[in-house]
Amino acid sequence: MPCFSCNAAIELATGERIGFRDSCEKCNADLHVCLNCAHYDSNAYNQCREPNAEWVSDRERGNRCDYFVYADRSRDSAGAEQARAKLDDLFKKP
């Protein structure tokens, strides 16, 4: 899973969680941040899809949110690339 800041791979064992004070070994950015969370959505109310989460003013700094779940953004980007390829095939000129 990539770090939101430098895109370095973050290795987590199955069931392992990111701690409140964990940081990226490459860039030293906090890892327990909204931008690394599966609930983060810039278009959602409070920029979070978890309705019980409290407001966090700085999405790039470590926080103590109990709803934090590390997001696998690499899978999201792969899906986006596949979708883009399908659209390009659909609308390509003969």
PDB file of N, CA and C in Angstrom:
ATOM      1  N   MET A   1       0.830  -1.166   0.000  1.00  0.00           N
ATOM      2  CA  MET A   1       0.000   0.000   0.000  1.00  0.00           C
ATOM      3  C   MET A   1       0.881   1.238   0.000  1.00  0.00           C
ATOM      4  N   PRO A   2       0.559   2.238  -0.781  1.00  0.00           N
ATOM      5  CA  PRO A   2       1.439   3.395  -0.896  1.00  0.00           C
ATOM      6  C   PRO A   2       1.198   4.467   0.177  1.00  0.00           C
ATOM      7  N   CYS A   3       2.268   5.175   0.512  1.00  0.00           N
ATOM      8  CA  CYS A   3       2.201   6.345   1.386  1.00  0.00           C
ATOM      9  C   CYS A   3       1.548   7.472   0.579  1.00  0.00           C
ATOM     10  N   PHE A   4       0.680   8.251   1.201  1.00  0.00           N
ATOM     11  CA  PHE A   4       0.003   9.338   0.473  1.00  0.00           C
ATOM     12  C   PHE A   4       0.997  10.406   0.032  1.00  0.00           C
ATOM     13  N   SER A   5       2.087  10.561   0.757  1.00  0.00           N
ATOM     14  CA  SER A   5       3.020  11.649   0.515  1.00  0.00           C
ATOM     15  C   SER A   5       4.058  11.330  -0.563  1.00  0.00           C
ATOM     16  N   CYS A   6       4.714  10.169  -0.443  1.00  0.00           N
ATOM     17  CA  CYS A   6       5.810   9.858  -1.366  1.00  0.00           C
ATOM     18  C   CYS A   6       5.544   8.630  -2.235  1.00  0.00           C
ATOM     19  N   ASN A   7       4.432   7.967  -2.009  1.00  0.00           N
ATOM     20  CA  ASN A   7       4.039   6.783  -2.776  1.00  0.00           C
ATOM     21  C   ASN A   7       4.902   5.554  -2.484  1.00  0.00           C
ATOM     22  N   ALA A   8       5.704   5.606  -1.417  1.00  0.00           N
ATOM     23  CA  ALA A   8       6.513   4.448  -1.040  1.00  0.00           C
ATOM     24  C   ALA A   8       5.587   3.338  -0.553  1.00  0.00           C
ATOM     25  N   ALA A   9       5.969   2.100  -0.821  1.00  0.00           N
ATOM     26  CA  ALA A   9       5.155   0.960  -0.402  1.00  0.00           C
ATOM     27  C   ALA A   9       5.231   0.793   1.116  1.00  0.00           C
ATOM     28  N   ILE A  10       4.072   0.655   1.740  1.00  0.00           N
ATOM     29  CA  ILE A  10       3.977   0.413   3.174  1.00  0.00           C
ATOM     30  C   ILE A  10       3.548  -1.037   3.343  1.00  0.00           C
ATOM     31  N   GLU A  11       4.399  -1.810   3.968  1.00  0.00           N
ATOM     32  CA  GLU A  11       4.121  -3.234   4.159  1.00  0.00           C
ATOM     33  C   GLU A  11       3.411  -3.457   5.486  1.00  0.00           C
ATOM     34  N   LEU A  12       2.237  -4.069   5.427  1.00  0.00           N
ATOM     35  CA  LEU A  12       1.481  -4.415   6.626  1.00  0.00           C
ATOM     36  C   LEU A  12       1.210  -5.910   6.616  1.00  0.00           C
ATOM     37  N   ALA A  13       1.441  -6.537   7.744  1.00  0.00           N
ATOM     38  CA  ALA A  13       1.090  -7.949   7.874  1.00  0.00           C
ATOM     39  C   ALA A  13      -0.430  -8.049   7.980  1.00  0.00           C
ATOM     40  N   THR A  14      -0.975  -9.191   7.642  1.00  0.00           N
ATOM     41  CA  THR A  14      -2.415  -9.392   7.719  1.00  0.00           C
ATOM     42  C   THR A  14      -2.902  -9.104   9.134  1.00  0.00           C
ATOM     43  N   GLY A  15      -3.882  -8.239   9.248  1.00  0.00           N
ATOM     44  CA  GLY A  15      -4.449  -7.889  10.543  1.00  0.00           C
ATOM     45  C   GLY A  15      -3.691  -6.789  11.274  1.00  0.00           C
ATOM     46  N   GLU A  16      -2.525  -6.384  10.768  1.00  0.00           N
ATOM     47  CA  GLU A  16      -1.747  -5.327  11.419  1.00  0.00           C
ATOM     48  C   GLU A  16      -2.396  -3.975  11.160  1.00  0.00           C
ATOM     49  N   ARG A  17      -2.358  -3.119  12.156  1.00  0.00           N
ATOM     50  CA  ARG A  17      -2.962  -1.792  12.044  1.00  0.00           C
ATOM     51  C   ARG A  17      -1.895  -0.718  12.105  1.00  0.00           C
ATOM     52  N   ILE A  18      -2.193   0.425  11.514  1.00  0.00           N
ATOM     53  CA  ILE A  18      -1.314   1.584  11.599  1.00  0.00           C
ATOM     54  C   ILE A  18      -1.556   2.245  12.954  1.00  0.00           C
ATOM     55  N   GLY A  19      -0.485   2.521  13.675  1.00  0.00           N
ATOM     56  CA  GLY A  19      -0.596   3.195  14.971  1.00  0.00           C
ATOM     57  C   GLY A  19      -0.694   4.700  14.814  1.00  0.00           C
ATOM     58  N   PHE A  20      -1.113   5.370  15.884  1.00  0.00           N
ATOM     59  CA  PHE A  20      -1.276   6.830  15.851  1.00  0.00           C
ATOM     60  C   PHE A  20       0.028   7.560  15.557  1.00  0.00           C
ATOM     61  N   ARG A  21       1.140   6.976  15.941  1.00  0.00           N
ATOM     62  CA  ARG A  21       2.431   7.644  15.781  1.00  0.00           C
ATOM     63  C   ARG A  21       3.295   7.043  14.679  1.00  0.00           C
ATOM     64  N   ASP A  22       2.793   6.116  13.904  1.00  0.00           N
ATOM     65  CA  ASP A  22       3.574   5.493  12.838  1.00  0.00           C
ATOM     66  C   ASP A  22       3.850   6.495  11.721  1.00  0.00           C
ATOM     67  N   SER A  23       5.024   6.356  11.123  1.00  0.00           N
ATOM     68  CA  SER A  23       5.381   7.252  10.028  1.00  0.00           C
ATOM     69  C   SER A  23       6.050   6.459   8.907  1.00  0.00           C
ATOM     70  N   CYS A  24       6.085   7.047   7.739  1.00  0.00           N
ATOM     71  CA  CYS A  24       6.692   6.434   6.561  1.00  0.00           C
ATOM     72  C   CYS A  24       8.204   6.388   6.757  1.00  0.00           C
ATOM     73  N   GLU A  25       8.804   5.252   6.476  1.00  0.00           N
ATOM     74  CA  GLU A  25      10.255   5.119   6.630  1.00  0.00           C
ATOM     75  C   GLU A  25      11.021   5.939   5.597  1.00  0.00           C
ATOM     76  N   LYS A  26      10.409   6.200   4.455  1.00  0.00           N
ATOM     77  CA  LYS A  26      11.101   6.921   3.390  1.00  0.00           C
ATOM     78  C   LYS A  26      11.030   8.443   3.568  1.00  0.00           C
ATOM     79  N   CYS A  27       9.822   8.988   3.790  1.00  0.00           N
ATOM     80  CA  CYS A  27       9.661  10.450   3.837  1.00  0.00           C
ATOM     81  C   CYS A  27       9.313  10.980   5.228  1.00  0.00           C
ATOM     82  N   ASN A  28       9.109  10.087   6.187  1.00  0.00           N
ATOM     83  CA  ASN A  28       8.794  10.438   7.572  1.00  0.00           C
ATOM     84  C   ASN A  28       7.414  11.090   7.733  1.00  0.00           C
ATOM     85  N   ALA A  29       6.555  10.984   6.742  1.00  0.00           N
ATOM     86  CA  ALA A  29       5.195  11.522   6.855  1.00  0.00           C
ATOM     87  C   ALA A  29       4.376  10.634   7.794  1.00  0.00           C
ATOM     88  N   ASP A  30       3.453  11.251   8.522  1.00  0.00           N
ATOM     89  CA  ASP A  30       2.547  10.481   9.372  1.00  0.00           C
ATOM     90  C   ASP A  30       1.742   9.524   8.497  1.00  0.00           C
ATOM     91  N   LEU A  31       1.439   8.337   9.013  1.00  0.00           N
ATOM     92  CA  LEU A  31       0.652   7.361   8.256  1.00  0.00           C
ATOM     93  C   LEU A  31      -0.806   7.313   8.709  1.00  0.00           C
ATOM     94  N   HIS A  32      -1.069   7.649   9.966  1.00  0.00           N
ATOM     95  CA  HIS A  32      -2.438   7.621  10.502  1.00  0.00           C
ATOM     96  C   HIS A  32      -3.092   8.966  10.187  1.00  0.00           C
ATOM     97  N   VAL A  33      -3.314   9.218   8.895  1.00  0.00           N
ATOM     98  CA  VAL A  33      -3.870  10.484   8.413  1.00  0.00           C
ATOM     99  C   VAL A  33      -5.077  10.204   7.524  1.00  0.00           C
ATOM    100  N   CYS A  34      -5.915  11.197   7.376  1.00  0.00           N
ATOM    101  CA  CYS A  34      -7.125  11.033   6.563  1.00  0.00           C
ATOM    102  C   CYS A  34      -6.807  10.615   5.130  1.00  0.00           C
ATOM    103  N   LEU A  35      -5.747  11.169   4.553  1.00  0.00           N
ATOM    104  CA  LEU A  35      -5.430  10.871   3.155  1.00  0.00           C
ATOM    105  C   LEU A  35      -5.018   9.420   2.940  1.00  0.00           C
ATOM    106  N   ASN A  36      -4.703   8.696   4.001  1.00  0.00           N
ATOM    107  CA  ASN A  36      -4.389   7.265   3.907  1.00  0.00           C
ATOM    108  C   ASN A  36      -5.568   6.399   4.337  1.00  0.00           C
ATOM    109  N   CYS A  37      -6.693   6.990   4.647  1.00  0.00           N
ATOM    110  CA  CYS A  37      -7.827   6.249   5.206  1.00  0.00           C
ATOM    111  C   CYS A  37      -8.835   5.842   4.122  1.00  0.00           C
ATOM    112  N   ALA A  38      -9.388   4.665   4.276  1.00  0.00           N
ATOM    113  CA  ALA A  38     -10.397   4.162   3.337  1.00  0.00           C
ATOM    114  C   ALA A  38     -11.676   4.984   3.386  1.00  0.00           C
ATOM    115  N   HIS A  39     -11.940   5.671   4.494  1.00  0.00           N
ATOM    116  CA  HIS A  39     -13.158   6.474   4.638  1.00  0.00           C
ATOM    117  C   HIS A  39     -13.016   7.870   4.042  1.00  0.00           C
ATOM    118  N   TYR A  40     -11.788   8.292   3.721  1.00  0.00           N
ATOM    119  CA  TYR A  40     -11.572   9.641   3.196  1.00  0.00           C
ATOM    120  C   TYR A  40     -12.236   9.795   1.836  1.00  0.00           C
ATOM    121  N   ASP A  41     -13.008  10.877   1.706  1.00  0.00           N
ATOM    122  CA  ASP A  41     -13.668  11.201   0.446  1.00  0.00           C
ATOM    123  C   ASP A  41     -13.818  12.713   0.409  1.00  0.00           C
ATOM    124  N   SER A  42     -13.069  13.376  -0.442  1.00  0.00           N
ATOM    125  CA  SER A  42     -13.091  14.842  -0.483  1.00  0.00           C
ATOM    126  C   SER A  42     -14.466  15.395  -0.861  1.00  0.00           C
ATOM    127  N   ASN A  43     -15.320  14.579  -1.447  1.00  0.00           N
ATOM    128  CA  ASN A  43     -16.650  15.032  -1.844  1.00  0.00           C
ATOM    129  C   ASN A  43     -17.728  14.743  -0.809  1.00  0.00           C
ATOM    130  N   ALA A  44     -17.404  14.018   0.239  1.00  0.00           N
ATOM    131  CA  ALA A  44     -18.389  13.669   1.263  1.00  0.00           C
ATOM    132  C   ALA A  44     -18.478  14.771   2.317  1.00  0.00           C
ATOM    133  N   TYR A  45     -19.588  14.777   3.044  1.00  0.00           N
ATOM    134  CA  TYR A  45     -19.735  15.689   4.169  1.00  0.00           C
ATOM    135  C   TYR A  45     -18.612  15.400   5.154  1.00  0.00           C
ATOM    136  N   ASN A  46     -17.978  16.441   5.655  1.00  0.00           N
ATOM    137  CA  ASN A  46     -16.882  16.294   6.604  1.00  0.00           C
ATOM    138  C   ASN A  46     -15.662  15.623   5.960  1.00  0.00           C
ATOM    139  N   GLN A  47     -15.673  15.452   4.634  1.00  0.00           N
ATOM    140  CA  GLN A  47     -14.636  14.784   3.846  1.00  0.00           C
ATOM    141  C   GLN A  47     -14.377  13.360   4.333  1.00  0.00           C
ATOM    142  N   CYS A  48     -15.424  12.730   4.860  1.00  0.00           N
ATOM    143  CA  CYS A  48     -15.285  11.391   5.409  1.00  0.00           C
ATOM    144  C   CYS A  48     -16.594  10.633   5.225  1.00  0.00           C
ATOM    145  N   ARG A  49     -16.502   9.369   4.791  1.00  0.00           N
ATOM    146  CA  ARG A  49     -17.705   8.551   4.620  1.00  0.00           C
ATOM    147  C   ARG A  49     -18.146   7.885   5.917  1.00  0.00           C
ATOM    148  N   GLU A  50     -17.389   8.055   6.989  1.00  0.00           N
ATOM    149  CA  GLU A  50     -17.788   7.533   8.301  1.00  0.00           C
ATOM    150  C   GLU A  50     -18.594   8.632   9.005  1.00  0.00           C
ATOM    151  N   PRO A  51     -19.905   8.433   9.177  1.00  0.00           N
ATOM    152  CA  PRO A  51     -20.752   9.491   9.720  1.00  0.00           C
ATOM    153  C   PRO A  51     -20.452   9.865  11.169  1.00  0.00           C
ATOM    154  N   ASN A  52     -19.823   9.013  11.929  1.00  0.00           N
ATOM    155  CA  ASN A  52     -19.555   9.308  13.338  1.00  0.00           C
ATOM    156  C   ASN A  52     -18.184   9.929  13.576  1.00  0.00           C
ATOM    157  N   ALA A  53     -17.394  10.079  12.546  1.00  0.00           N
ATOM    158  CA  ALA A  53     -16.049  10.647  12.698  1.00  0.00           C
ATOM    159  C   ALA A  53     -16.129  12.140  12.974  1.00  0.00           C
ATOM    160  N   GLU A  54     -15.231  12.604  13.820  1.00  0.00           N
ATOM    161  CA  GLU A  54     -15.156  14.029  14.124  1.00  0.00           C
ATOM    162  C   GLU A  54     -14.375  14.747  13.033  1.00  0.00           C
ATOM    163  N   TRP A  55     -14.575  16.067  12.945  1.00  0.00           N
ATOM    164  CA  TRP A  55     -13.889  16.896  11.963  1.00  0.00           C
ATOM    165  C   TRP A  55     -12.386  16.889  12.234  1.00  0.00           C
ATOM    166  N   VAL A  56     -11.615  16.735  11.179  1.00  0.00           N
ATOM    167  CA  VAL A  56     -10.159  16.822  11.258  1.00  0.00           C
ATOM    168  C   VAL A  56      -9.745  17.980  10.365  1.00  0.00           C
ATOM    169  N   SER A  57      -9.067  18.959  10.917  1.00  0.00           N
ATOM    170  CA  SER A  57      -8.750  20.165  10.144  1.00  0.00           C
ATOM    171  C   SER A  57      -7.606  19.963   9.149  1.00  0.00           C
ATOM    172  N   ASP A  58      -6.600  19.175   9.501  1.00  0.00           N
ATOM    173  CA  ASP A  58      -5.468  18.953   8.597  1.00  0.00           C
ATOM    174  C   ASP A  58      -5.432  17.484   8.200  1.00  0.00           C
ATOM    175  N   ARG A  59      -5.794  17.188   6.968  1.00  0.00           N
ATOM    176  CA  ARG A  59      -5.920  15.808   6.479  1.00  0.00           C
ATOM    177  C   ARG A  59      -4.573  15.129   6.251  1.00  0.00           C
ATOM    178  N   GLU A  60      -3.479  15.887   6.277  1.00  0.00           N
ATOM    179  CA  GLU A  60      -2.151  15.329   6.035  1.00  0.00           C
ATOM    180  C   GLU A  60      -1.349  15.111   7.313  1.00  0.00           C
ATOM    181  N   ARG A  61      -1.898  15.457   8.463  1.00  0.00           N
ATOM    182  CA  ARG A  61      -1.196  15.303   9.734  1.00  0.00           C
ATOM    183  C   ARG A  61      -1.821  14.169  10.526  1.00  0.00           C
ATOM    184  N   GLY A  62      -1.024  13.538  11.361  1.00  0.00           N
ATOM    185  CA  GLY A  62      -1.503  12.438  12.181  1.00  0.00           C
ATOM    186  C   GLY A  62      -2.685  12.847  13.040  1.00  0.00           C
ATOM    187  N   ASN A  63      -3.623  11.923  13.222  1.00  0.00           N
ATOM    188  CA  ASN A  63      -4.787  12.194  14.056  1.00  0.00           C
ATOM    189  C   ASN A  63      -5.108  10.959  14.898  1.00  0.00           C
ATOM    190  N   ARG A  64      -6.076  11.078  15.755  1.00  0.00           N
ATOM    191  CA  ARG A  64      -6.420   9.986  16.671  1.00  0.00           C
ATOM    192  C   ARG A  64      -7.805   9.419  16.352  1.00  0.00           C
ATOM    193  N   CYS A  65      -8.194   9.471  15.112  1.00  0.00           N
ATOM    194  CA  CYS A  65      -9.506   8.961  14.711  1.00  0.00           C
ATOM    195  C   CYS A  65      -9.579   7.447  14.932  1.00  0.00           C
ATOM    196  N   ASP A  66     -10.609   7.016  15.649  1.00  0.00           N
ATOM    197  CA  ASP A  66     -10.786   5.592  15.933  1.00  0.00           C
ATOM    198  C   ASP A  66     -11.351   4.819  14.752  1.00  0.00           C
ATOM    199  N   TYR A  67     -11.827   5.515  13.730  1.00  0.00           N
ATOM    200  CA  TYR A  67     -12.432   4.859  12.568  1.00  0.00           C
ATOM    201  C   TYR A  67     -11.432   4.637  11.440  1.00  0.00           C
ATOM    202  N   PHE A  68     -10.181   4.994  11.653  1.00  0.00           N
ATOM    203  CA  PHE A  68      -9.156   4.896  10.622  1.00  0.00           C
ATOM    204  C   PHE A  68      -8.974   3.453  10.144  1.00  0.00           C
ATOM    205  N   VAL A  69      -9.009   3.275   8.823  1.00  0.00           N
ATOM    206  CA  VAL A  69      -8.721   1.999   8.171  1.00  0.00           C
ATOM    207  C   VAL A  69      -7.788   2.322   7.016  1.00  0.00           C
ATOM    208  N   TYR A  70      -6.597   1.708   7.010  1.00  0.00           N
ATOM    209  CA  TYR A  70      -5.630   2.028   5.966  1.00  0.00           C
ATOM    210  C   TYR A  70      -6.184   1.617   4.596  1.00  0.00           C
ATOM    211  N   ALA A  71      -6.187   2.552   3.665  1.00  0.00           N
ATOM    212  CA  ALA A  71      -6.753   2.321   2.335  1.00  0.00           C
ATOM    213  C   ALA A  71      -5.727   1.732   1.387  1.00  0.00           C
ATOM    214  N   ASP A  72      -6.142   0.793   0.585  1.00  0.00           N
ATOM    215  CA  ASP A  72      -5.282   0.219  -0.452  1.00  0.00           C
ATOM    216  C   ASP A  72      -5.532   0.996  -1.740  1.00  0.00           C
ATOM    217  N   ARG A  73      -4.884   2.142  -1.865  1.00  0.00           N
ATOM    218  CA  ARG A  73      -5.070   3.014  -3.030  1.00  0.00           C
ATOM    219  C   ARG A  73      -4.453   2.418  -4.292  1.00  0.00           C
ATOM    220  N   SER A  74      -3.508   1.504  -4.151  1.00  0.00           N
ATOM    221  CA  SER A  74      -2.909   0.893  -5.337  1.00  0.00           C
ATOM    222  C   SER A  74      -3.957   0.111  -6.107  1.00  0.00           C
ATOM    223  N   ARG A  75      -4.873  -0.546  -5.391  1.00  0.00           N
ATOM    224  CA  ARG A  75      -5.945  -1.290  -6.038  1.00  0.00           C
ATOM    225  C   ARG A  75      -6.904  -0.319  -6.722  1.00  0.00           C
ATOM    226  N   ASP A  76      -7.179   0.838  -6.082  1.00  0.00           N
ATOM    227  CA  ASP A  76      -8.066   1.834  -6.666  1.00  0.00           C
ATOM    228  C   ASP A  76      -7.501   2.386  -7.966  1.00  0.00           C
ATOM    229  N   SER A  77      -6.187   2.662  -7.982  1.00  0.00           N
ATOM    230  CA  SER A  77      -5.593   3.222  -9.194  1.00  0.00           C
ATOM    231  C   SER A  77      -5.562   2.199 -10.323  1.00  0.00           C
ATOM    232  N   ALA A  78      -5.376   0.924  -9.984  1.00  0.00           N
ATOM    233  CA  ALA A  78      -5.389  -0.120 -11.017  1.00  0.00           C
ATOM    234  C   ALA A  78      -6.779  -0.217 -11.640  1.00  0.00           C
ATOM    235  N   GLY A  79      -7.806  -0.121 -10.832  1.00  0.00           N
ATOM    236  CA  GLY A  79      -9.181  -0.148 -11.325  1.00  0.00           C
ATOM    237  C   GLY A  79      -9.477   1.053 -12.208  1.00  0.00           C
ATOM    238  N   ALA A  80      -8.948   2.198 -11.839  1.00  0.00           N
ATOM    239  CA  ALA A  80      -9.150   3.415 -12.631  1.00  0.00           C
ATOM    240  C   ALA A  80      -8.474   3.276 -13.996  1.00  0.00           C
ATOM    241  N   GLU A  81      -7.292   2.680 -14.017  1.00  0.00           N
ATOM    242  CA  GLU A  81      -6.589   2.480 -15.284  1.00  0.00           C
ATOM    243  C   GLU A  81      -7.355   1.525 -16.195  1.00  0.00           C
ATOM    244  N   GLN A  82      -7.927   0.485 -15.624  1.00  0.00           N
ATOM    245  CA  GLN A  82      -8.724  -0.458 -16.412  1.00  0.00           C
ATOM    246  C   GLN A  82      -9.971   0.216 -16.963  1.00  0.00           C
ATOM    247  N   ALA A  83     -10.612   1.035 -16.146  1.00  0.00           N
ATOM    248  CA  ALA A  83     -11.806   1.748 -16.597  1.00  0.00           C
ATOM    249  C   ALA A  83     -11.463   2.712 -17.730  1.00  0.00           C
ATOM    250  N   ARG A  84     -10.336   3.414 -17.601  1.00  0.00           N
ATOM    251  CA  ARG A  84      -9.907   4.350 -18.635  1.00  0.00           C
ATOM    252  C   ARG A  84      -9.629   3.607 -19.943  1.00  0.00           C
ATOM    253  N   ALA A  85      -8.998   2.448 -19.870  1.00  0.00           N
ATOM    254  CA  ALA A  85      -8.697   1.656 -21.068  1.00  0.00           C
ATOM    255  C   ALA A  85      -9.992   1.203 -21.751  1.00  0.00           C
ATOM    256  N   LYS A  86     -10.982   0.811 -20.975  1.00  0.00           N
ATOM    257  CA  LYS A  86     -12.266   0.393 -21.551  1.00  0.00           C
ATOM    258  C   LYS A  86     -12.958   1.564 -22.232  1.00  0.00           C
ATOM    259  N   LEU A  87     -12.919   2.737 -21.603  1.00  0.00           N
ATOM    260  CA  LEU A  87     -13.511   3.929 -22.229  1.00  0.00           C
ATOM    261  C   LEU A  87     -12.786   4.297 -23.518  1.00  0.00           C
ATOM    262  N   ASP A  88     -11.470   4.226 -23.491  1.00  0.00           N
ATOM    263  CA  ASP A  88     -10.702   4.538 -24.702  1.00  0.00           C
ATOM    264  C   ASP A  88     -11.046   3.580 -25.833  1.00  0.00           C
ATOM    265  N   ASP A  89     -11.217   2.283 -25.507  1.00  0.00           N
ATOM    266  CA  ASP A  89     -11.599   1.295 -26.523  1.00  0.00           C
ATOM    267  C   ASP A  89     -12.997   1.579 -27.056  1.00  0.00           C
ATOM    268  N   LEU A  90     -13.870   1.988 -26.169  1.00  0.00           N
ATOM    269  CA  LEU A  90     -15.264   2.246 -26.559  1.00  0.00           C
ATOM    270  C   LEU A  90     -15.369   3.441 -27.509  1.00  0.00           C
ATOM    271  N   PHE A  91     -14.575   4.482 -27.241  1.00  0.00           N
ATOM    272  CA  PHE A  91     -14.686   5.713 -28.016  1.00  0.00           C
ATOM    273  C   PHE A  91     -13.583   5.933 -29.036  1.00  0.00           C
ATOM    274  N   LYS A  92     -12.773   4.915 -29.296  1.00  0.00           N
ATOM    275  CA  LYS A  92     -11.706   5.105 -30.283  1.00  0.00           C
ATOM    276  C   LYS A  92     -12.296   5.212 -31.672  1.00  0.00           C
ATOM    277  N   LYS A  93     -11.597   5.953 -32.498  1.00  0.00           N
ATOM    278  CA  LYS A  93     -12.072   6.191 -33.859  1.00  0.00           C
ATOM    279  C   LYS A  93     -11.689   5.009 -34.744  1.00  0.00           C
ATOM    280  N   PRO A  94     -12.609   4.612 -35.624  1.00  0.00           N
ATOM    281  CA  PRO A  94     -12.335   3.455 -36.507  1.00  0.00           C
ATOM    282  C   PRO A  94     -11.281   3.754 -37.537  1.00  0.00           C
TER     283      PRO A  94
END
